[in-house]
Amino acid sequence: MIEVYEELKQHGVVRRREILYFFSGNVEKTNSSIRWLMASGKAQRIKPGLLYLRPPNEWGNTEVSISPWLIAAQSVKGAVIAFHSAMAIRGEAYSESSQIQIAVSIENKRIPNSFTYQGMTYKYFRENLDYGVAKKVVANVKVKVLDSERTVLEGLKHSDRYMGMDELLKSLEGVKWLDLSRLMLYLDSYYASNSMEMRLGWLLEQKQDEWHVKPEKLKQMQKNRPLDPVYLISSKRSGNYRDSKWNLMIPKKLRNRRDY
């Protein structure tokens, strides 16, 4: 039975299907190996079908804390840590959250059920994962995460997934550099709308010095300013002021903010 442990331990967290694959689909051997791993203290159950393979220094029956990033990344096939959680794993998020957001391919027929473990709730979203996915090493394991450029655009589109616009703007203080060419490519390819272009233009103006945005780029984006105003937060239709350069309606509480 030790062979399955040696083969899969580098993943940290493993799914039952991976153990089943190791045993070439033999259900009996799979179930026996899981029982042995649990009984010997080499594994810790996270939820049905998901195990943590403990390193030797953690063997035993006492429950140990498991990195939520490993759980998220291995909880389903092709999982990508997304949105506010993507900022958190890079150390950019302003506030802590007890929710881990995980993107799965839009080709999945259904969204996996959320679950809670060790005080963290894991929530899934079906998304297009053909772009904007990078890798980060956590505890010697490579995990997939939305890259910084996509994270910014998703925040401007879905600020509710970032604990609100105020939290997003504060978290962007932790983003010291962006690939502006990649950012604009994503905008044109996947977020093409007046609302998104004006939101991004407004943000780039705030970050002009920090992100080295050329004035010519801002002027070019301003030429696409729509006749009708657009909203920084689409669901917030009152309590805004208008930034005429972008014809963008912005919550009044952000008027005097300069810490983003």
C-alpha atoms as a PDB file:
ATOM      1  CA  MET A   1       0.000   0.000   0.000  1.00  0.00           C
ATOM      2  CA  ILE A   2       2.944   2.323   0.562  1.00  0.00           C
ATOM      3  CA  GLU A   3       3.403   2.562  -3.208  1.00  0.00           C
ATOM      4  CA  VAL A   4       0.293   4.676  -3.709  1.00  0.00           C
ATOM      5  CA  TYR A   5       1.458   7.054  -0.979  1.00  0.00           C
ATOM      6  CA  GLU A   6       4.923   7.402  -2.519  1.00  0.00           C
ATOM      7  CA  GLU A   7       3.424   7.985  -5.973  1.00  0.00           C
ATOM      8  CA  LEU A   8       0.917  10.671  -4.982  1.00  0.00           C
ATOM      9  CA  LYS A   9       2.417  12.370  -1.915  1.00  0.00           C
ATOM     10  CA  GLN A  10       3.961  15.168  -3.992  1.00  0.00           C
ATOM     11  CA  HIS A  11       0.433  16.476  -4.703  1.00  0.00           C
ATOM     12  CA  GLY A  12      -0.329  16.984  -1.018  1.00  0.00           C
ATOM     13  CA  VAL A  13      -4.079  16.756  -1.580  1.00  0.00           C
ATOM     14  CA  VAL A  14      -5.436  13.973  -3.798  1.00  0.00           C
ATOM     15  CA  ARG A  15      -8.807  12.953  -5.158  1.00  0.00           C
ATOM     16  CA  ARG A  16     -10.169   9.432  -4.919  1.00  0.00           C
ATOM     17  CA  ARG A  17     -10.173   9.271  -8.711  1.00  0.00           C
ATOM     18  CA  GLU A  18      -6.389   9.691  -8.733  1.00  0.00           C
ATOM     19  CA  ILE A  19      -6.008   6.731  -6.416  1.00  0.00           C
ATOM     20  CA  LEU A  20      -8.469   4.771  -8.544  1.00  0.00           C
ATOM     21  CA  TYR A  21      -6.397   5.585 -11.618  1.00  0.00           C
ATOM     22  CA  PHE A  22      -3.228   4.405  -9.826  1.00  0.00           C
ATOM     23  CA  PHE A  23      -4.907   1.047  -9.318  1.00  0.00           C
ATOM     24  CA  SER A  24      -6.106   0.931 -12.944  1.00  0.00           C
ATOM     25  CA  GLY A  25      -9.735   1.277 -11.956  1.00  0.00           C
ATOM     26  CA  ASN A  26      -9.709  -1.458  -9.303  1.00  0.00           C
ATOM     27  CA  VAL A  27     -12.317  -0.260  -6.811  1.00  0.00           C
ATOM     28  CA  GLU A  28     -11.470  -2.839  -4.144  1.00  0.00           C
ATOM     29  CA  LYS A  29      -7.767  -1.927  -4.101  1.00  0.00           C
ATOM     30  CA  THR A  30      -8.658   1.757  -4.099  1.00  0.00           C
ATOM     31  CA  ASN A  31     -10.956   1.439  -1.091  1.00  0.00           C
ATOM     32  CA  SER A  32      -8.457  -0.756   0.760  1.00  0.00           C
ATOM     33  CA  SER A  33      -5.634   1.701   0.163  1.00  0.00           C
ATOM     34  CA  ILE A  34      -7.721   4.617   1.446  1.00  0.00           C
ATOM     35  CA  ARG A  35      -8.593   2.674   4.601  1.00  0.00           C
ATOM     36  CA  TRP A  36      -4.904   1.849   5.094  1.00  0.00           C
ATOM     37  CA  LEU A  37      -3.823   5.446   4.554  1.00  0.00           C
ATOM     38  CA  MET A  38      -6.356   6.671   7.095  1.00  0.00           C
ATOM     39  CA  ALA A  39      -5.674   3.938   9.671  1.00  0.00           C
ATOM     40  CA  SER A  40      -1.911   4.413   9.452  1.00  0.00           C
ATOM     41  CA  GLY A  41      -2.177   8.174   9.993  1.00  0.00           C
ATOM     42  CA  LYS A  42      -0.663   8.940   6.604  1.00  0.00           C
ATOM     43  CA  ALA A  43      -3.808  10.610   5.301  1.00  0.00           C
ATOM     44  CA  GLN A  44      -6.406  13.042   6.595  1.00  0.00           C
ATOM     45  CA  ARG A  45      -9.937  13.132   5.212  1.00  0.00           C
ATOM     46  CA  ILE A  46     -11.075  16.526   3.937  1.00  0.00           C
ATOM     47  CA  LYS A  47     -14.417  15.404   2.521  1.00  0.00           C
ATOM     48  CA  PRO A  48     -15.691  12.325   0.693  1.00  0.00           C
ATOM     49  CA  GLY A  49     -13.344  11.637  -2.191  1.00  0.00           C
ATOM     50  CA  LEU A  50     -10.663  14.107  -1.080  1.00  0.00           C
ATOM     51  CA  LEU A  51      -7.640  13.299   1.099  1.00  0.00           C
ATOM     52  CA  TYR A  52      -4.570  15.075   2.398  1.00  0.00           C
ATOM     53  CA  LEU A  53      -1.434  12.917   2.233  1.00  0.00           C
ATOM     54  CA  ARG A  54       0.616  13.946   5.229  1.00  0.00           C
ATOM     55  CA  PRO A  55       4.387  14.280   5.117  1.00  0.00           C
ATOM     56  CA  PRO A  56       6.169  11.913   7.539  1.00  0.00           C
ATOM     57  CA  ASN A  57       6.579  14.583  10.223  1.00  0.00           C
ATOM     58  CA  GLU A  58       2.757  14.882  10.389  1.00  0.00           C
ATOM     59  CA  TRP A  59       1.906  11.165  10.518  1.00  0.00           C
ATOM     60  CA  GLY A  60      -0.485  10.329  13.299  1.00  0.00           C
ATOM     61  CA  ASN A  61      -4.110  10.629  14.347  1.00  0.00           C
ATOM     62  CA  THR A  62      -4.126  14.284  15.385  1.00  0.00           C
ATOM     63  CA  GLU A  63      -5.779  16.588  12.838  1.00  0.00           C
ATOM     64  CA  VAL A  64      -3.360  19.044  11.236  1.00  0.00           C
ATOM     65  CA  SER A  65      -4.038  22.295   9.424  1.00  0.00           C
ATOM     66  CA  ILE A  66      -3.953  22.009   5.653  1.00  0.00           C
ATOM     67  CA  SER A  67      -3.150  24.838   3.245  1.00  0.00           C
ATOM     68  CA  PRO A  68      -6.480  26.024   1.800  1.00  0.00           C
ATOM     69  CA  TRP A  69      -4.683  26.719  -1.471  1.00  0.00           C
ATOM     70  CA  LEU A  70      -3.720  23.052  -1.832  1.00  0.00           C
ATOM     71  CA  ILE A  71      -7.265  21.995  -1.037  1.00  0.00           C
ATOM     72  CA  ALA A  72      -8.695  24.440  -3.572  1.00  0.00           C
ATOM     73  CA  ALA A  73      -6.253  23.537  -6.320  1.00  0.00           C
ATOM     74  CA  GLN A  74      -6.736  19.792  -5.954  1.00  0.00           C
ATOM     75  CA  SER A  75     -10.416  19.671  -5.014  1.00  0.00           C
ATOM     76  CA  VAL A  76     -11.561  19.162  -8.606  1.00  0.00           C
ATOM     77  CA  LYS A  77      -9.764  18.506 -11.863  1.00  0.00           C
ATOM     78  CA  GLY A  78      -8.556  21.660 -13.576  1.00  0.00           C
ATOM     79  CA  ALA A  79      -9.320  23.931 -10.609  1.00  0.00           C
ATOM     80  CA  VAL A  80      -8.060  27.520 -10.834  1.00  0.00           C
ATOM     81  CA  ILE A  81      -7.911  29.838  -7.821  1.00  0.00           C
ATOM     82  CA  ALA A  82      -9.842  32.930  -8.864  1.00  0.00           C
ATOM     83  CA  PHE A  83     -11.023  36.478  -8.141  1.00  0.00           C
ATOM     84  CA  HIS A  84     -10.317  37.835  -4.643  1.00  0.00           C
ATOM     85  CA  SER A  85      -8.681  34.519  -3.731  1.00  0.00           C
ATOM     86  CA  ALA A  86      -6.227  34.966  -6.619  1.00  0.00           C
ATOM     87  CA  MET A  87      -5.179  38.268  -5.079  1.00  0.00           C
ATOM     88  CA  ALA A  88      -4.931  36.663  -1.657  1.00  0.00           C
ATOM     89  CA  ILE A  89      -2.640  33.856  -2.781  1.00  0.00           C
ATOM     90  CA  ARG A  90      -0.300  36.452  -4.309  1.00  0.00           C
ATOM     91  CA  GLY A  91      -0.361  38.491  -1.109  1.00  0.00           C
ATOM     92  CA  GLU A  92      -2.239  41.391  -2.718  1.00  0.00           C
ATOM     93  CA  ALA A  93      -5.644  41.180  -0.996  1.00  0.00           C
ATOM     94  CA  TYR A  94      -6.312  43.970   1.486  1.00  0.00           C
ATOM     95  CA  SER A  95      -8.673  41.921   3.663  1.00  0.00           C
ATOM     96  CA  GLU A  96      -8.805  38.291   4.667  1.00  0.00           C
ATOM     97  CA  SER A  97     -11.733  36.152   3.613  1.00  0.00           C
ATOM     98  CA  SER A  98     -13.082  32.828   4.823  1.00  0.00           C
ATOM     99  CA  GLN A  99     -14.172  31.967   1.280  1.00  0.00           C
ATOM    100  CA  ILE A 100     -11.894  30.424  -1.330  1.00  0.00           C
ATOM    101  CA  GLN A 101     -13.094  31.030  -4.902  1.00  0.00           C
ATOM    102  CA  ILE A 102     -12.355  28.380  -7.486  1.00  0.00           C
ATOM    103  CA  ALA A 103     -12.946  28.568 -11.222  1.00  0.00           C
ATOM    104  CA  VAL A 104     -13.702  25.430 -13.216  1.00  0.00           C
ATOM    105  CA  SER A 105     -14.010  25.154 -16.959  1.00  0.00           C
ATOM    106  CA  ILE A 106     -17.209  26.417 -18.536  1.00  0.00           C
ATOM    107  CA  GLU A 107     -17.256  23.075 -20.338  1.00  0.00           C
ATOM    108  CA  ASN A 108     -18.128  21.391 -17.037  1.00  0.00           C
ATOM    109  CA  LYS A 109     -21.756  20.334 -17.147  1.00  0.00           C
ATOM    110  CA  ARG A 110     -22.348  21.446 -13.572  1.00  0.00           C
ATOM    111  CA  ILE A 111     -20.783  23.537 -10.847  1.00  0.00           C
ATOM    112  CA  PRO A 112     -19.298  21.430  -8.016  1.00  0.00           C
ATOM    113  CA  ASN A 113     -21.001  21.779  -4.669  1.00  0.00           C
ATOM    114  CA  SER A 114     -19.398  24.172  -2.224  1.00  0.00           C
ATOM    115  CA  PHE A 115     -18.062  22.773   1.037  1.00  0.00           C
ATOM    116  CA  THR A 116     -16.534  23.997   4.283  1.00  0.00           C
ATOM    117  CA  TYR A 117     -13.423  22.620   5.961  1.00  0.00           C
ATOM    118  CA  GLN A 118     -11.286  23.977   8.799  1.00  0.00           C
ATOM    119  CA  GLY A 119     -13.195  27.238   8.788  1.00  0.00           C
ATOM    120  CA  MET A 120     -12.848  27.925   5.065  1.00  0.00           C
ATOM    121  CA  THR A 121     -15.662  27.670   2.524  1.00  0.00           C
ATOM    122  CA  TYR A 122     -14.786  26.578  -1.009  1.00  0.00           C
ATOM    123  CA  LYS A 123     -17.051  28.002  -3.713  1.00  0.00           C
ATOM    124  CA  TYR A 124     -16.963  27.215  -7.437  1.00  0.00           C
ATOM    125  CA  PHE A 125     -17.642  29.254 -10.579  1.00  0.00           C
ATOM    126  CA  ARG A 126     -17.887  28.099 -14.195  1.00  0.00           C
ATOM    127  CA  GLU A 127     -15.566  30.254 -16.309  1.00  0.00           C
ATOM    128  CA  ASN A 128     -13.717  30.369 -19.610  1.00  0.00           C
ATOM    129  CA  LEU A 129     -10.247  29.113 -18.683  1.00  0.00           C
ATOM    130  CA  ASP A 130      -8.721  29.384 -22.151  1.00  0.00           C
ATOM    131  CA  TYR A 131      -6.891  32.560 -21.122  1.00  0.00           C
ATOM    132  CA  GLY A 132      -5.538  34.379 -18.097  1.00  0.00           C
ATOM    133  CA  VAL A 133      -4.349  31.362 -16.111  1.00  0.00           C
ATOM    134  CA  ALA A 134      -0.917  31.272 -14.487  1.00  0.00           C
ATOM    135  CA  LYS A 135       0.840  28.954 -12.033  1.00  0.00           C
ATOM    136  CA  LYS A 136       2.157  29.530  -8.539  1.00  0.00           C
ATOM    137  CA  VAL A 137       4.103  27.193  -6.269  1.00  0.00           C
ATOM    138  CA  VAL A 138       2.536  26.489  -2.863  1.00  0.00           C
ATOM    139  CA  ALA A 139       4.264  24.028  -0.520  1.00  0.00           C
ATOM    140  CA  ASN A 140       6.280  22.681  -3.475  1.00  0.00           C
ATOM    141  CA  VAL A 141       3.091  22.072  -5.463  1.00  0.00           C
ATOM    142  CA  LYS A 142       2.197  24.010  -8.611  1.00  0.00           C
ATOM    143  CA  VAL A 143      -1.325  25.419  -8.437  1.00  0.00           C
ATOM    144  CA  LYS A 144      -3.282  27.285 -11.098  1.00  0.00           C
ATOM    145  CA  VAL A 145      -4.412  30.852 -10.452  1.00  0.00           C
ATOM    146  CA  LEU A 146      -5.931  33.670 -12.514  1.00  0.00           C
ATOM    147  CA  ASP A 147      -3.143  36.013 -13.579  1.00  0.00           C
ATOM    148  CA  SER A 148      -2.987  39.626 -12.432  1.00  0.00           C
ATOM    149  CA  GLU A 149      -4.252  41.107 -15.690  1.00  0.00           C
ATOM    150  CA  ARG A 150      -7.367  38.976 -15.774  1.00  0.00           C
ATOM    151  CA  THR A 151      -7.894  39.510 -12.059  1.00  0.00           C
ATOM    152  CA  VAL A 152      -8.102  43.281 -12.608  1.00  0.00           C
ATOM    153  CA  LEU A 153     -10.635  42.956 -15.417  1.00  0.00           C
ATOM    154  CA  GLU A 154     -12.755  40.451 -13.518  1.00  0.00           C
ATOM    155  CA  GLY A 155     -12.776  42.852 -10.578  1.00  0.00           C
ATOM    156  CA  LEU A 156     -14.066  45.692 -12.736  1.00  0.00           C
ATOM    157  CA  LYS A 157     -16.756  43.391 -14.126  1.00  0.00           C
ATOM    158  CA  HIS A 158     -17.707  41.523 -10.935  1.00  0.00           C
ATOM    159  CA  SER A 159     -16.708  43.639  -7.946  1.00  0.00           C
ATOM    160  CA  ASP A 160     -19.018  41.540  -5.751  1.00  0.00           C
ATOM    161  CA  ARG A 161     -16.545  38.671  -6.172  1.00  0.00           C
ATOM    162  CA  TYR A 162     -13.887  40.892  -4.587  1.00  0.00           C
ATOM    163  CA  MET A 163     -15.812  41.858  -1.441  1.00  0.00           C
ATOM    164  CA  GLY A 164     -16.858  45.077  -3.186  1.00  0.00           C
ATOM    165  CA  MET A 165     -15.229  47.832  -5.235  1.00  0.00           C
ATOM    166  CA  ASP A 166     -13.645  49.456  -2.195  1.00  0.00           C
ATOM    167  CA  GLU A 167     -11.870  46.203  -1.305  1.00  0.00           C
ATOM    168  CA  LEU A 168     -10.768  45.735  -4.922  1.00  0.00           C
ATOM    169  CA  LEU A 169      -9.231  49.199  -5.096  1.00  0.00           C
ATOM    170  CA  LYS A 170      -7.446  48.742  -1.782  1.00  0.00           C
ATOM    171  CA  SER A 171      -6.150  45.348  -2.898  1.00  0.00           C
ATOM    172  CA  LEU A 172      -4.798  46.835  -6.122  1.00  0.00           C
ATOM    173  CA  GLU A 173      -2.299  48.691  -3.940  1.00  0.00           C
ATOM    174  CA  GLY A 174      -0.538  45.343  -3.776  1.00  0.00           C
ATOM    175  CA  VAL A 175      -0.281  45.078  -7.574  1.00  0.00           C
ATOM    176  CA  LYS A 176       2.940  46.885  -8.409  1.00  0.00           C
ATOM    177  CA  TRP A 177       3.182  45.940 -12.076  1.00  0.00           C
ATOM    178  CA  LEU A 178       0.945  44.750 -14.901  1.00  0.00           C
ATOM    179  CA  ASP A 179       1.617  43.639 -18.452  1.00  0.00           C
ATOM    180  CA  LEU A 180      -0.382  46.408 -20.124  1.00  0.00           C
ATOM    181  CA  SER A 181      -0.188  44.777 -23.558  1.00  0.00           C
ATOM    182  CA  ARG A 182      -1.709  41.603 -22.137  1.00  0.00           C
ATOM    183  CA  LEU A 183      -4.293  43.625 -20.232  1.00  0.00           C
ATOM    184  CA  MET A 184      -5.465  45.381 -23.397  1.00  0.00           C
ATOM    185  CA  LEU A 185      -5.461  42.111 -25.339  1.00  0.00           C
ATOM    186  CA  TYR A 186      -7.789  40.591 -22.748  1.00  0.00           C
ATOM    187  CA  LEU A 187      -9.991  43.690 -22.848  1.00  0.00           C
ATOM    188  CA  ASP A 188     -10.362  43.582 -26.629  1.00  0.00           C
ATOM    189  CA  SER A 189     -10.778  39.806 -26.816  1.00  0.00           C
ATOM    190  CA  TYR A 190     -12.980  38.968 -23.827  1.00  0.00           C
ATOM    191  CA  TYR A 191     -14.375  42.153 -22.240  1.00  0.00           C
ATOM    192  CA  ALA A 192     -15.192  44.332 -25.240  1.00  0.00           C
ATOM    193  CA  SER A 193     -17.802  46.863 -24.103  1.00  0.00           C
ATOM    194  CA  ASN A 194     -18.005  50.605 -23.468  1.00  0.00           C
ATOM    195  CA  SER A 195     -18.575  49.966 -19.776  1.00  0.00           C
ATOM    196  CA  MET A 196     -15.459  47.849 -19.347  1.00  0.00           C
ATOM    197  CA  GLU A 197     -13.246  50.139 -21.419  1.00  0.00           C
ATOM    198  CA  MET A 198     -14.334  53.217 -19.456  1.00  0.00           C
ATOM    199  CA  ARG A 199     -13.910  51.437 -16.124  1.00  0.00           C
ATOM    200  CA  LEU A 200     -10.446  50.267 -17.082  1.00  0.00           C
ATOM    201  CA  GLY A 201      -9.485  53.663 -18.481  1.00  0.00           C
ATOM    202  CA  TRP A 202     -10.548  55.333 -15.250  1.00  0.00           C
ATOM    203  CA  LEU A 203      -8.524  52.825 -13.212  1.00  0.00           C
ATOM    204  CA  LEU A 204      -5.454  53.178 -15.424  1.00  0.00           C
ATOM    205  CA  GLU A 205      -5.631  56.926 -14.946  1.00  0.00           C
ATOM    206  CA  GLN A 206      -5.505  56.413 -11.166  1.00  0.00           C
ATOM    207  CA  LYS A 207      -2.554  54.041 -11.599  1.00  0.00           C
ATOM    208  CA  GLN A 208      -0.828  55.967 -14.381  1.00  0.00           C
ATOM    209  CA  ASP A 209       2.472  56.527 -12.594  1.00  0.00           C
ATOM    210  CA  GLU A 210       2.625  53.234 -10.743  1.00  0.00           C
ATOM    211  CA  TRP A 211       1.782  51.068 -13.751  1.00  0.00           C
ATOM    212  CA  HIS A 212       3.621  53.288 -16.261  1.00  0.00           C
ATOM    213  CA  VAL A 213       0.563  54.042 -18.385  1.00  0.00           C
ATOM    214  CA  LYS A 214       1.306  56.382 -21.286  1.00  0.00           C
ATOM    215  CA  PRO A 215      -0.928  59.472 -21.580  1.00  0.00           C
ATOM    216  CA  GLU A 216      -1.467  58.640 -25.255  1.00  0.00           C
ATOM    217  CA  LYS A 217      -3.112  55.370 -24.272  1.00  0.00           C
ATOM    218  CA  LEU A 218      -5.568  57.117 -21.979  1.00  0.00           C
ATOM    219  CA  LYS A 219      -6.447  59.649 -24.682  1.00  0.00           C
ATOM    220  CA  GLN A 220      -7.009  56.841 -27.148  1.00  0.00           C
ATOM    221  CA  MET A 221      -9.393  55.107 -24.749  1.00  0.00           C
ATOM    222  CA  GLN A 222     -11.229  58.359 -24.016  1.00  0.00           C
ATOM    223  CA  LYS A 223     -12.078  58.692 -27.714  1.00  0.00           C
ATOM    224  CA  ASN A 224     -14.396  55.704 -27.252  1.00  0.00           C
ATOM    225  CA  ARG A 225     -16.347  57.480 -24.526  1.00  0.00           C
ATOM    226  CA  PRO A 226     -20.060  56.672 -25.018  1.00  0.00           C
ATOM    227  CA  LEU A 227     -22.801  59.293 -25.288  1.00  0.00           C
ATOM    228  CA  ASP A 228     -24.738  57.778 -22.381  1.00  0.00           C
ATOM    229  CA  PRO A 229     -23.039  57.416 -19.003  1.00  0.00           C
ATOM    230  CA  VAL A 230     -21.835  54.030 -17.849  1.00  0.00           C
ATOM    231  CA  TYR A 231     -21.443  52.830 -14.274  1.00  0.00           C
ATOM    232  CA  LEU A 232     -18.380  51.710 -12.369  1.00  0.00           C
ATOM    233  CA  ILE A 233     -20.688  49.342 -10.463  1.00  0.00           C
ATOM    234  CA  SER A 234     -23.499  48.302 -12.791  1.00  0.00           C
ATOM    235  CA  SER A 235     -25.942  47.551  -9.968  1.00  0.00           C
ATOM    236  CA  LYS A 236     -25.424  50.915  -8.231  1.00  0.00           C
ATOM    237  CA  ARG A 237     -27.630  53.468  -9.999  1.00  0.00           C
ATOM    238  CA  SER A 238     -27.810  56.103  -7.274  1.00  0.00           C
ATOM    239  CA  GLY A 239     -25.337  57.867  -4.998  1.00  0.00           C
ATOM    240  CA  ASN A 240     -22.840  58.403  -7.824  1.00  0.00           C
ATOM    241  CA  TYR A 241     -20.925  61.309  -9.287  1.00  0.00           C
ATOM    242  CA  ARG A 242     -19.933  61.628 -12.957  1.00  0.00           C
ATOM    243  CA  ASP A 243     -16.349  61.645 -14.176  1.00  0.00           C
ATOM    244  CA  SER A 244     -16.779  63.536 -17.461  1.00  0.00           C
ATOM    245  CA  LYS A 245     -13.498  62.312 -18.965  1.00  0.00           C
ATOM    246  CA  TRP A 246     -14.852  58.775 -18.979  1.00  0.00           C
ATOM    247  CA  ASN A 247     -18.582  59.520 -18.751  1.00  0.00           C
ATOM    248  CA  LEU A 248     -18.431  57.132 -15.840  1.00  0.00           C
ATOM    249  CA  MET A 249     -20.726  57.150 -12.827  1.00  0.00           C
ATOM    250  CA  ILE A 250     -18.663  56.466  -9.701  1.00  0.00           C
ATOM    251  CA  PRO A 251     -19.899  55.959  -6.117  1.00  0.00           C
ATOM    252  CA  LYS A 252     -19.561  59.200  -4.180  1.00  0.00           C
ATOM    253  CA  LYS A 253     -17.733  57.435  -1.366  1.00  0.00           C
ATOM    254  CA  LEU A 254     -14.826  56.915  -3.766  1.00  0.00           C
ATOM    255  CA  ARG A 255     -14.615  60.589  -4.792  1.00  0.00           C
ATOM    256  CA  ASN A 256     -11.883  61.582  -2.365  1.00  0.00           C
ATOM    257  CA  ARG A 257     -10.092  58.250  -2.133  1.00  0.00           C
ATOM    258  CA  ARG A 258      -6.446  58.418  -3.004  1.00  0.00           C
ATOM    259  CA  ASP A 259      -5.146  55.339  -1.224  1.00  0.00           C
ATOM    260  CA  TYR A 260      -5.614  53.212  -4.331  1.00  0.00           C
END
